[in-house]
Amino acid sequence: MDLFPQGNFKKVSPIRKWSDVRIRERHDSRRWMFLSTIFWSFGNCFISNLVIIFMALSHGMQKGTFFLGLILALPFLAGAMRGFTPFLIQKMHGVKRFCITAYLMEILLLWMMIFWGRPDFLSPFPALMCLTFFWFTANLAEHCATVALFAWSGEIFPEKTRGRVFGNREFYRISGEILSLVICFLAVFWWRNYFPFRACFSEYYLYALLAVIGTLFTLPGTLFLLRVHAPRALSAGNNKSPISFSADKKEGMHEMEISKIEGAHFREMFRQFLLPIQDRRFRPLLYYGAYFAFITQLEQVFQITYPAKIFDEDVKLYGLGLPFLLLLSLRFITRAGQLCLSRTAGKKIDRNGVIPILALSQFLTAFGALCYFFASPRFPFFLFAAPFFYIAYVGLNVGLPQIQIQLSPPKKHATWIAAYGTISGLIAFLGALAGGALAKLLPPMDFTSPISETSTLLQNIYWVQIPFLISFILRALATLFLLKIPKNENL
């Protein structure tokens, strides 16, 4: 008797454990998320990051430092409105659907900004207003999408490896940004020196071409997120509000009843927003975010105009304005260093905890402002030392999303992350406006008026350097807020 008959039986696959399925989903999600990050970062740098530099250096310099501060402040004002993100995620029945939709809206709005900002389409002032409006709304869409993406990551990746996930994501994000910076620099250099018909075309068309190239990469980078697995806890049907009601019930209700229910819904949304503020463990992180955002943006207006005061503004290098060249070169140094350390920062966070890495990174970034303080026409090389300290920002970029997720309750990551972004964004907006107003109110400062002409110690220190000394002290003190965060075994 044949104990094992050879029949035409179907091959039955072995039963896989639920944990094996989850592990495979996480591996696939990481791969597609990293691929999306490098494509999106490469394209987004073409469209938005350089557009704001061009807009600030052209319109901002012509309208004054207050307008420059307004341009720099708009993204943070948009970030202050990301508190509506959990409500929008609920309305769209899933964090994945909302995240992808918000990124697609950002691409559309940036394209509208390029179109309406054409010099031959509107007069200068309406064109500038259109640029400002679309720049604001595009940043709002990006901030909301980032909140959803971080909450999404907190649900699908385990806590013990989440630092490495954010470290690798930062690595791919910076890789795309560096590549786009190099190509943009070469494109502007070629346009201003070798393009034979540059006198017949506005430089706007170069920026429009870069925007087209950016869209070719940003759009597929967004669509790659479709392959990332949606968290089951935040998918449709699992995140409903207890006071929500269907459209059928709404039709049978009186207008008074509908208004009462909608009012209760918004009161519930406001109550949910206040929960992170009332959380004692999360509150020190909110203090840190608000304090550091204000100090950083208060200094930003002085920092972006400082290289032009150290060097002669009329000096040209390879046909490019030296201040613009310095902005690109200093930024490239910082990004290159962050690229080398991003994965290491993620591993250190998983191994040693997130608070020590955040505190060390915050303390090191303060010395960047000190380098600006020592930089002068006699010692300009200090200006190129600052980016090496700003490399430490990589620890903040990798660690802040991690600590926000760790301090937030399960299934409510979006609410806590949105609260942190709203408060820090609002304070950053006020800090940028305050920096622009302060630069306008103060008398013109340059390297011709020292603090004291009689003191040997102070005759080589000028009033224009003092804001950076104050910034160094205040940045270093921000480390104390991080050390006040209650520690547990995961922090």
Protein backbone atom coordinates (compact mmCIF):
# COMPACT_ATOMS: atom_id res chain seq x y z
CA MET A 1 0.00 0.00 0.00
CA ASP A 2 1.32 3.37 -1.01
CA LEU A 3 1.27 5.52 2.06
CA PHE A 4 2.09 8.62 0.03
CA PRO A 5 -0.04 8.50 -3.17
CA GLN A 6 1.10 10.71 -6.02
CA GLY A 7 -2.13 12.46 -6.93
CA ASN A 8 -2.85 15.81 -8.48
CA PHE A 9 -2.99 17.59 -5.19
CA LYS A 10 -2.65 21.34 -4.76
CA LYS A 11 0.39 22.46 -2.87
CA VAL A 12 -0.60 24.03 0.40
CA SER A 13 1.64 26.85 1.59
CA PRO A 14 2.74 26.71 5.22
CA ILE A 15 0.78 28.80 7.64
CA ARG A 16 2.65 31.94 8.54
CA LYS A 17 2.48 33.48 11.97
CA TRP A 18 0.92 36.89 12.35
CA SER A 19 4.24 38.23 13.64
CA ASP A 20 5.99 37.08 10.44
CA VAL A 21 3.44 38.94 8.35
CA ARG A 22 3.95 42.09 10.39
CA ILE A 23 7.75 41.84 10.10
CA ARG A 24 7.52 41.50 6.32
CA GLU A 25 5.11 44.43 6.14
CA ARG A 26 7.52 46.58 8.13
CA HIS A 27 10.45 45.67 5.86
CA ASP A 28 8.43 46.52 2.76
CA SER A 29 7.19 49.74 4.33
CA ARG A 30 10.71 50.85 5.23
CA ARG A 31 11.96 50.21 1.71
CA TRP A 32 9.16 52.13 0.02
CA MET A 33 9.28 54.96 2.56
CA PHE A 34 13.02 55.48 2.04
CA LEU A 35 12.58 55.41 -1.74
CA SER A 36 9.77 57.96 -1.43
CA THR A 37 11.93 60.15 0.81
CA ILE A 38 14.87 60.48 -1.59
CA PHE A 39 12.64 61.19 -4.60
CA TRP A 40 10.49 63.68 -2.71
CA SER A 41 13.47 65.47 -1.15
CA PHE A 42 15.28 65.76 -4.48
CA GLY A 43 12.25 67.25 -6.22
CA ASN A 44 11.04 69.39 -3.34
CA CYS A 45 14.41 71.10 -3.02
CA PHE A 46 14.15 72.19 -6.63
CA ILE A 47 10.68 73.64 -6.19
CA SER A 48 10.55 75.13 -2.72
CA ASN A 49 13.88 75.38 -0.93
CA LEU A 50 15.64 77.43 -3.59
CA VAL A 51 12.52 79.43 -4.44
CA ILE A 52 12.41 80.89 -0.95
CA ILE A 53 16.11 81.83 -1.15
CA PHE A 54 15.60 83.58 -4.49
CA MET A 55 12.45 85.31 -3.23
CA ALA A 56 14.15 86.45 -0.03
CA LEU A 57 17.28 87.74 -1.77
CA SER A 58 15.37 89.59 -4.51
CA HIS A 59 12.04 90.82 -3.10
CA GLY A 60 13.14 90.69 0.52
CA MET A 61 16.28 92.76 0.07
CA GLN A 62 14.41 95.35 -2.00
CA LYS A 63 11.51 95.74 0.42
CA GLY A 64 13.63 95.78 3.57
CA THR A 65 14.52 93.45 6.39
CA PHE A 66 10.99 93.40 7.82
CA PHE A 67 9.64 91.94 4.59
CA LEU A 68 12.50 89.46 4.59
CA GLY A 69 11.48 88.45 8.09
CA LEU A 70 7.87 88.04 6.90
CA ILE A 71 8.96 85.71 4.08
CA LEU A 72 10.99 83.62 6.50
CA ALA A 73 8.12 83.61 9.01
CA LEU A 74 5.36 82.36 6.70
CA PRO A 75 6.34 78.65 6.84
CA PHE A 76 6.22 78.81 10.63
CA LEU A 77 2.82 80.50 10.62
CA ALA A 78 1.65 77.65 8.39
CA GLY A 79 3.17 75.22 10.88
CA ALA A 80 1.14 76.86 13.65
CA MET A 81 -2.04 75.72 11.89
CA ARG A 82 -1.15 72.02 11.78
CA GLY A 83 -3.22 71.45 14.92
CA PHE A 84 -6.15 70.62 12.62
CA THR A 85 -4.31 67.58 11.27
CA PRO A 86 -5.89 64.96 13.60
CA PHE A 87 -9.35 66.31 12.72
CA LEU A 88 -8.57 66.10 8.99
CA ILE A 89 -7.17 62.58 9.36
CA GLN A 90 -10.44 61.54 10.96
CA LYS A 91 -12.48 63.19 8.21
CA MET A 92 -10.49 61.37 5.51
CA HIS A 93 -10.79 58.03 7.39
CA GLY A 94 -7.11 57.19 7.50
CA VAL A 95 -3.68 58.65 8.05
CA LYS A 96 -2.32 57.13 4.84
CA ARG A 97 -4.98 58.69 2.63
CA PHE A 98 -4.58 62.08 4.25
CA CYS A 99 -0.77 62.05 4.09
CA ILE A 100 -0.66 61.29 0.37
CA THR A 101 -3.41 63.81 -0.41
CA ALA A 102 -1.62 66.57 1.51
CA TYR A 103 1.64 65.95 -0.35
CA LEU A 104 -0.18 66.06 -3.70
CA MET A 105 -1.83 69.34 -2.66
CA GLU A 106 1.59 70.77 -1.85
CA ILE A 107 2.85 69.95 -5.35
CA LEU A 108 -0.20 71.62 -6.91
CA LEU A 109 0.15 74.75 -4.78
CA LEU A 110 3.84 75.12 -5.55
CA TRP A 111 3.05 74.88 -9.22
CA MET A 112 0.42 77.61 -8.80
CA MET A 113 3.04 79.75 -7.07
CA ILE A 114 5.41 79.38 -10.03
CA PHE A 115 2.63 80.15 -12.54
CA TRP A 116 1.17 83.23 -10.82
CA GLY A 117 4.61 84.62 -10.03
CA ARG A 118 5.52 85.12 -13.68
CA PRO A 119 6.93 88.63 -14.25
CA ASP A 120 4.91 89.06 -17.46
CA PHE A 121 1.60 87.91 -15.95
CA LEU A 122 0.93 90.35 -13.11
CA SER A 123 2.38 93.60 -11.85
CA PRO A 124 5.11 93.23 -9.21
CA PHE A 125 2.97 93.75 -6.10
CA PRO A 126 0.08 91.37 -7.01
CA ALA A 127 2.61 88.80 -8.19
CA LEU A 128 4.39 89.08 -4.85
CA MET A 129 1.11 88.64 -2.98
CA CYS A 130 0.31 85.53 -5.03
CA LEU A 131 3.74 84.12 -4.30
CA THR A 132 3.26 84.77 -0.60
CA PHE A 133 -0.21 83.16 -0.50
CA PHE A 134 0.74 80.01 -2.38
CA TRP A 135 3.99 79.72 -0.44
CA PHE A 136 1.99 79.83 2.81
CA THR A 137 -0.62 77.26 1.74
CA ALA A 138 2.00 74.91 0.28
CA ASN A 139 3.91 74.94 3.56
CA LEU A 140 0.67 74.32 5.44
CA ALA A 141 0.01 71.21 3.33
CA GLU A 142 3.58 69.99 3.89
CA HIS A 143 3.43 70.50 7.66
CA CYS A 144 0.13 68.61 7.93
CA ALA A 145 1.51 65.79 5.77
CA THR A 146 4.63 65.58 7.96
CA VAL A 147 2.52 65.23 11.11
CA ALA A 148 0.59 62.41 9.47
CA LEU A 149 3.79 60.75 8.24
CA PHE A 150 5.40 60.77 11.70
CA ALA A 151 2.22 59.43 13.32
CA TRP A 152 2.06 56.81 10.59
CA SER A 153 5.67 55.78 11.30
CA GLY A 154 5.00 55.59 15.02
CA GLU A 155 2.25 53.03 14.44
CA ILE A 156 3.98 50.69 11.99
CA PHE A 157 7.57 50.67 13.30
CA PRO A 158 8.49 49.26 16.75
CA GLU A 159 10.03 51.54 19.32
CA LYS A 160 13.30 49.62 19.63
CA THR A 161 14.22 50.26 15.95
CA ARG A 162 12.41 53.56 15.34
CA GLY A 163 15.56 55.63 15.85
CA ARG A 164 17.30 53.78 13.02
CA VAL A 165 14.23 54.24 10.83
CA PHE A 166 14.27 58.01 11.34
CA GLY A 167 18.06 58.06 10.95
CA ASN A 168 17.88 56.26 7.61
CA ARG A 169 15.02 58.50 6.49
CA GLU A 170 17.14 61.55 7.32
CA PHE A 171 20.02 60.03 5.35
CA TYR A 172 17.92 59.65 2.20
CA ARG A 173 16.28 63.05 2.66
CA ILE A 174 19.64 64.83 2.89
CA SER A 175 21.01 62.80 -0.04
CA GLY A 176 18.26 64.11 -2.31
CA GLU A 177 18.67 67.65 -1.03
CA ILE A 178 22.45 67.70 -1.58
CA LEU A 179 22.09 66.36 -5.11
CA SER A 180 19.50 68.99 -5.98
CA LEU A 181 21.62 71.79 -4.46
CA VAL A 182 24.58 70.82 -6.65
CA ILE A 183 22.46 70.65 -9.81
CA CYS A 184 20.73 73.97 -9.04
CA PHE A 185 24.07 75.66 -8.43
CA LEU A 186 25.46 74.37 -11.72
CA ALA A 187 22.27 75.39 -13.55
CA VAL A 188 22.43 78.98 -12.25
CA PHE A 189 26.16 79.14 -12.98
CA TRP A 190 25.62 77.93 -16.56
CA TRP A 191 22.67 80.30 -17.08
CA ARG A 192 24.53 83.41 -15.95
CA ASN A 193 27.78 82.67 -17.75
CA TYR A 194 27.26 80.49 -20.80
CA PHE A 195 23.61 80.63 -21.87
CA PRO A 196 23.80 82.57 -25.16
CA PHE A 197 20.29 84.04 -25.03
CA ARG A 198 20.13 84.96 -21.35
CA ALA A 199 19.61 88.64 -22.20
CA CYS A 200 16.36 87.76 -24.02
CA PHE A 201 14.86 85.65 -21.23
CA SER A 202 14.03 86.43 -17.63
CA GLU A 203 15.78 84.36 -15.00
CA TYR A 204 12.29 83.31 -13.94
CA TYR A 205 12.29 80.74 -16.75
CA LEU A 206 15.31 79.03 -15.22
CA TYR A 207 13.41 78.67 -11.95
CA ALA A 208 10.36 77.40 -13.84
CA LEU A 209 12.51 74.78 -15.55
CA LEU A 210 13.89 73.66 -12.19
CA ALA A 211 10.31 73.42 -10.90
CA VAL A 212 9.39 71.15 -13.82
CA ILE A 213 12.36 68.90 -13.03
CA GLY A 214 11.38 68.87 -9.38
CA THR A 215 7.83 67.81 -10.14
CA LEU A 216 9.08 64.87 -12.20
CA PHE A 217 10.63 63.50 -9.00
CA THR A 218 8.29 64.81 -6.28
CA LEU A 219 5.15 63.26 -7.80
CA PRO A 220 6.46 59.65 -7.96
CA GLY A 221 8.06 60.17 -4.56
CA THR A 222 4.60 60.85 -3.18
CA LEU A 223 2.98 57.96 -5.04
CA PHE A 224 5.54 55.52 -3.60
CA LEU A 225 3.79 56.02 -0.25
CA LEU A 226 0.87 54.03 -1.66
CA ARG A 227 2.99 50.89 -1.15
CA VAL A 228 3.60 51.64 2.53
CA HIS A 229 1.24 49.65 4.72
CA ALA A 230 -1.46 51.60 6.50
CA PRO A 231 -1.62 51.15 10.28
CA ARG A 232 -4.66 49.15 11.23
CA ALA A 233 -5.27 51.26 14.30
CA LEU A 234 -5.56 54.42 12.20
CA SER A 235 -7.35 53.01 9.17
CA ALA A 236 -10.92 53.76 8.19
CA GLY A 237 -13.49 52.85 10.77
CA ASN A 238 -11.11 52.65 13.74
CA ASN A 239 -10.67 56.33 14.46
CA LYS A 240 -14.22 57.61 14.56
CA SER A 241 -15.27 60.38 16.84
CA PRO A 242 -17.77 59.38 19.51
CA ILE A 243 -20.02 62.29 18.53
CA SER A 244 -19.85 61.84 14.75
CA PHE A 245 -23.03 61.02 12.83
CA SER A 246 -23.89 59.81 9.36
CA ALA A 247 -25.31 61.82 6.49
CA ASP A 248 -28.63 59.94 6.64
CA LYS A 249 -29.17 60.93 10.24
CA LYS A 250 -28.13 64.47 9.44
CA GLU A 251 -30.89 64.83 6.84
CA GLY A 252 -33.57 63.92 9.38
CA MET A 253 -32.38 66.35 12.01
CA HIS A 254 -33.45 69.88 12.68
CA GLU A 255 -30.95 72.67 11.98
CA MET A 256 -30.78 73.45 15.68
CA GLU A 257 -29.84 69.85 16.49
CA ILE A 258 -27.22 69.80 13.74
CA SER A 259 -25.61 73.00 15.01
CA LYS A 260 -25.51 71.63 18.56
CA ILE A 261 -23.84 68.41 17.45
CA GLU A 262 -21.32 70.25 15.27
CA GLY A 263 -20.57 72.63 18.14
CA ALA A 264 -19.99 69.65 20.43
CA HIS A 265 -17.72 68.17 17.78
CA PHE A 266 -15.50 71.26 17.64
CA ARG A 267 -15.45 71.48 21.44
CA GLU A 268 -14.28 67.88 21.53
CA MET A 269 -11.60 68.66 18.95
CA PHE A 270 -10.40 71.62 21.04
CA ARG A 271 -10.38 69.44 24.16
CA GLN A 272 -8.27 66.84 22.37
CA PHE A 273 -5.83 69.57 21.33
CA LEU A 274 -5.42 70.66 24.98
CA LEU A 275 -4.60 67.14 26.18
CA PRO A 276 -0.87 67.32 25.19
CA ILE A 277 -0.56 70.69 26.94
CA GLN A 278 -1.99 69.18 30.12
CA ASP A 279 0.37 66.19 29.93
CA ARG A 280 3.10 66.75 32.55
CA ARG A 281 5.58 64.48 30.77
CA PHE A 282 5.07 66.22 27.44
CA ARG A 283 4.98 69.79 28.75
CA PRO A 284 8.80 70.26 29.11
CA LEU A 285 9.19 69.27 25.47
CA LEU A 286 6.63 71.95 24.52
CA TYR A 287 8.60 74.51 26.52
CA TYR A 288 11.78 73.50 24.74
CA GLY A 289 10.17 73.64 21.28
CA ALA A 290 8.71 77.09 21.87
CA TYR A 291 11.89 78.54 23.40
CA PHE A 292 14.25 77.14 20.78
CA ALA A 293 11.98 78.12 17.88
CA PHE A 294 11.81 81.73 19.06
CA ILE A 295 15.56 82.09 19.58
CA THR A 296 16.43 80.46 16.25
CA GLN A 297 14.09 82.59 14.17
CA LEU A 298 14.98 85.77 16.02
CA GLU A 299 18.55 85.25 14.88
CA GLN A 300 17.68 84.15 11.33
CA VAL A 301 17.26 87.62 9.78
CA PHE A 302 20.63 88.75 11.15
CA GLN A 303 22.28 85.54 10.00
CA ILE A 304 21.06 85.64 6.39
CA THR A 305 22.31 89.21 5.86
CA TYR A 306 25.57 88.81 7.81
CA PRO A 307 27.83 87.38 5.03
CA ALA A 308 27.11 90.40 2.82
CA LYS A 309 28.41 92.66 5.61
CA ILE A 310 31.61 90.68 6.12
CA PHE A 311 32.47 90.60 2.41
CA ASP A 312 32.21 93.37 -0.11
CA GLU A 313 28.71 93.19 -1.62
CA ASP A 314 30.06 94.17 -5.03
CA VAL A 315 32.42 91.21 -5.19
CA LYS A 316 31.38 88.63 -7.78
CA LEU A 317 32.66 85.08 -7.92
CA TYR A 318 32.20 83.23 -11.20
CA GLY A 319 29.37 85.57 -12.10
CA LEU A 320 27.35 84.80 -8.96
CA GLY A 321 26.65 87.18 -6.13
CA LEU A 322 28.92 86.27 -3.24
CA PRO A 323 26.16 86.31 -0.57
CA PHE A 324 24.11 83.83 -2.61
CA LEU A 325 27.18 81.66 -3.20
CA LEU A 326 27.93 81.68 0.52
CA LEU A 327 24.39 80.60 1.35
CA LEU A 328 24.73 77.59 -0.94
CA SER A 329 28.25 76.66 0.11
CA LEU A 330 27.57 76.92 3.86
CA ARG A 331 24.40 74.93 3.45
CA PHE A 332 26.22 72.27 1.45
CA ILE A 333 28.87 71.84 4.17
CA THR A 334 26.18 71.35 6.80
CA ARG A 335 24.15 68.88 4.74
CA ALA A 336 27.24 66.84 3.83
CA GLY A 337 28.16 66.43 7.49
CA GLN A 338 24.60 65.54 8.44
CA LEU A 339 24.54 62.95 5.67
CA CYS A 340 27.54 61.19 7.24
CA LEU A 341 26.13 61.21 10.78
CA SER A 342 22.38 60.64 10.28
CA ARG A 343 22.48 56.84 10.47
CA THR A 344 24.89 56.95 13.41
CA ALA A 345 22.53 59.29 15.26
CA GLY A 346 19.65 56.84 14.77
CA LYS A 347 21.70 53.94 16.11
CA LYS A 348 22.88 55.94 19.13
CA ILE A 349 19.28 56.92 19.93
CA ASP A 350 18.18 53.28 19.92
CA ARG A 351 21.15 52.27 22.05
CA ASN A 352 21.63 55.16 24.52
CA GLY A 353 18.22 56.86 24.57
CA VAL A 354 16.95 59.96 22.83
CA ILE A 355 17.43 62.62 25.55
CA PRO A 356 21.27 62.43 25.74
CA ILE A 357 21.54 62.74 21.95
CA LEU A 358 19.12 65.68 21.88
CA ALA A 359 20.92 67.50 24.71
CA LEU A 360 24.35 67.02 23.12
CA SER A 361 23.10 68.13 19.70
CA GLN A 362 21.43 71.22 21.15
CA PHE A 363 24.57 72.25 23.02
CA LEU A 364 26.80 71.82 19.95
CA THR A 365 24.54 73.86 17.67
CA ALA A 366 24.92 76.83 20.02
CA PHE A 367 28.59 77.15 19.00
CA GLY A 368 27.50 77.93 15.43
CA ALA A 369 26.20 81.29 16.64
CA LEU A 370 29.49 81.83 18.47
CA CYS A 371 31.36 81.34 15.17
CA TYR A 372 29.22 84.07 13.62
CA PHE A 373 30.13 86.29 16.56
CA PHE A 374 33.87 85.88 15.95
CA ALA A 375 33.54 86.29 12.16
CA SER A 376 34.53 89.73 10.87
CA PRO A 377 36.25 91.24 7.81
CA ARG A 378 39.57 90.53 9.55
CA PHE A 379 38.65 86.94 10.42
CA PRO A 380 36.11 85.77 7.81
CA PHE A 381 37.15 82.12 8.08
CA PHE A 382 35.10 81.81 11.30
CA LEU A 383 32.02 82.02 9.09
CA PHE A 384 32.96 78.72 7.48
CA ALA A 385 33.43 77.08 10.89
CA ALA A 386 29.75 77.56 11.82
CA PRO A 387 28.39 74.89 9.44
CA PHE A 388 30.51 72.25 11.17
CA PHE A 389 28.66 72.91 14.42
CA TYR A 390 25.31 73.08 12.64
CA ILE A 391 25.92 69.49 11.57
CA ALA A 392 24.72 68.61 15.08
CA TYR A 393 21.20 69.54 13.95
CA VAL A 394 21.04 65.98 12.62
CA GLY A 395 20.58 64.76 16.19
CA LEU A 396 17.60 67.07 16.60
CA ASN A 397 16.10 66.11 13.22
CA VAL A 398 16.28 62.41 14.06
CA GLY A 399 15.52 62.61 17.78
CA LEU A 400 12.62 65.07 17.97
CA PRO A 401 10.10 62.92 16.04
CA GLN A 402 11.17 59.94 18.14
CA ILE A 403 10.67 61.65 21.50
CA GLN A 404 7.31 63.10 20.44
CA ILE A 405 6.09 59.61 19.59
CA GLN A 406 7.51 58.11 22.80
CA LEU A 407 5.85 60.73 25.02
CA SER A 408 2.46 60.44 23.30
CA PRO A 409 -0.14 57.76 24.14
CA PRO A 410 -0.64 54.88 21.69
CA LYS A 411 -3.06 55.58 18.83
CA LYS A 412 -2.87 59.35 19.56
CA HIS A 413 0.52 60.19 18.10
CA ALA A 414 -0.95 62.64 15.57
CA THR A 415 -2.58 64.77 18.29
CA TRP A 416 0.60 65.10 20.35
CA ILE A 417 2.84 65.72 17.33
CA ALA A 418 0.41 68.30 15.96
CA ALA A 419 0.32 70.13 19.30
CA TYR A 420 4.11 70.34 19.43
CA GLY A 421 4.26 71.61 15.84
CA THR A 422 1.46 74.13 16.38
CA ILE A 423 2.99 75.74 19.45
CA SER A 424 6.57 75.76 18.17
CA GLY A 425 5.41 77.00 14.75
CA LEU A 426 3.42 79.88 16.26
CA ILE A 427 6.34 80.94 18.46
CA ALA A 428 8.75 80.63 15.52
CA PHE A 429 6.48 82.89 13.46
CA LEU A 430 6.52 85.52 16.21
CA GLY A 431 10.29 85.15 16.53
CA ALA A 432 10.86 85.69 12.81
CA LEU A 433 8.62 88.78 12.82
CA ALA A 434 10.39 90.06 15.93
CA GLY A 435 13.76 89.54 14.26
CA GLY A 436 12.70 91.46 11.16
CA ALA A 437 11.21 94.28 13.24
CA LEU A 438 14.26 94.43 15.48
CA ALA A 439 16.59 94.63 12.47
CA LYS A 440 14.48 97.49 11.12
CA LEU A 441 14.30 99.42 14.40
CA LEU A 442 17.99 99.14 15.21
CA PRO A 443 20.31 101.66 13.57
CA PRO A 444 22.30 100.37 10.59
CA MET A 445 25.08 98.21 11.96
CA ASP A 446 28.29 97.37 10.18
CA PHE A 447 31.96 96.94 10.98
CA THR A 448 32.67 100.66 11.30
CA SER A 449 31.26 101.23 14.80
CA PRO A 450 32.99 99.25 17.59
CA ILE A 451 31.50 98.98 21.04
CA SER A 452 34.28 101.05 22.53
CA GLU A 453 37.10 102.91 20.84
CA THR A 454 39.09 103.35 24.05
CA SER A 455 39.04 99.83 25.49
CA THR A 456 41.63 97.49 24.04
CA LEU A 457 39.34 94.50 24.55
CA LEU A 458 36.19 96.02 23.02
CA GLN A 459 37.62 98.04 20.16
CA ASN A 460 37.69 94.93 17.95
CA ILE A 461 34.09 93.96 18.81
CA TYR A 462 31.30 95.66 16.88
CA TRP A 463 27.62 96.08 17.65
CA VAL A 464 26.68 94.00 14.62
CA GLN A 465 28.24 90.95 16.32
CA ILE A 466 26.34 91.22 19.61
CA PRO A 467 23.11 89.45 18.48
CA PHE A 468 25.11 86.28 17.81
CA LEU A 469 26.72 86.34 21.26
CA ILE A 470 23.28 86.63 22.84
CA SER A 471 22.03 83.82 20.58
CA PHE A 472 24.89 81.55 21.71
CA ILE A 473 24.02 82.01 25.38
CA LEU A 474 20.29 81.48 24.85
CA ARG A 475 20.81 78.43 22.61
CA ALA A 476 23.06 76.81 25.20
CA LEU A 477 20.45 77.40 27.91
CA ALA A 478 17.87 75.52 25.80
CA THR A 479 19.65 72.31 26.80
CA LEU A 480 18.20 72.68 30.30
CA PHE A 481 14.65 72.22 28.97
CA LEU A 482 15.61 68.88 27.46
CA LEU A 483 17.14 67.69 30.72
CA LYS A 484 13.86 68.49 32.52
CA ILE A 485 11.95 65.86 30.51
CA PRO A 486 10.99 62.95 32.83
CA LYS A 487 13.08 59.92 32.02
CA ASN A 488 12.00 56.33 31.80
CA GLU A 489 13.57 53.15 30.47
CA ASN A 490 12.91 54.23 26.86
CA LEU A 491 14.26 57.79 27.09
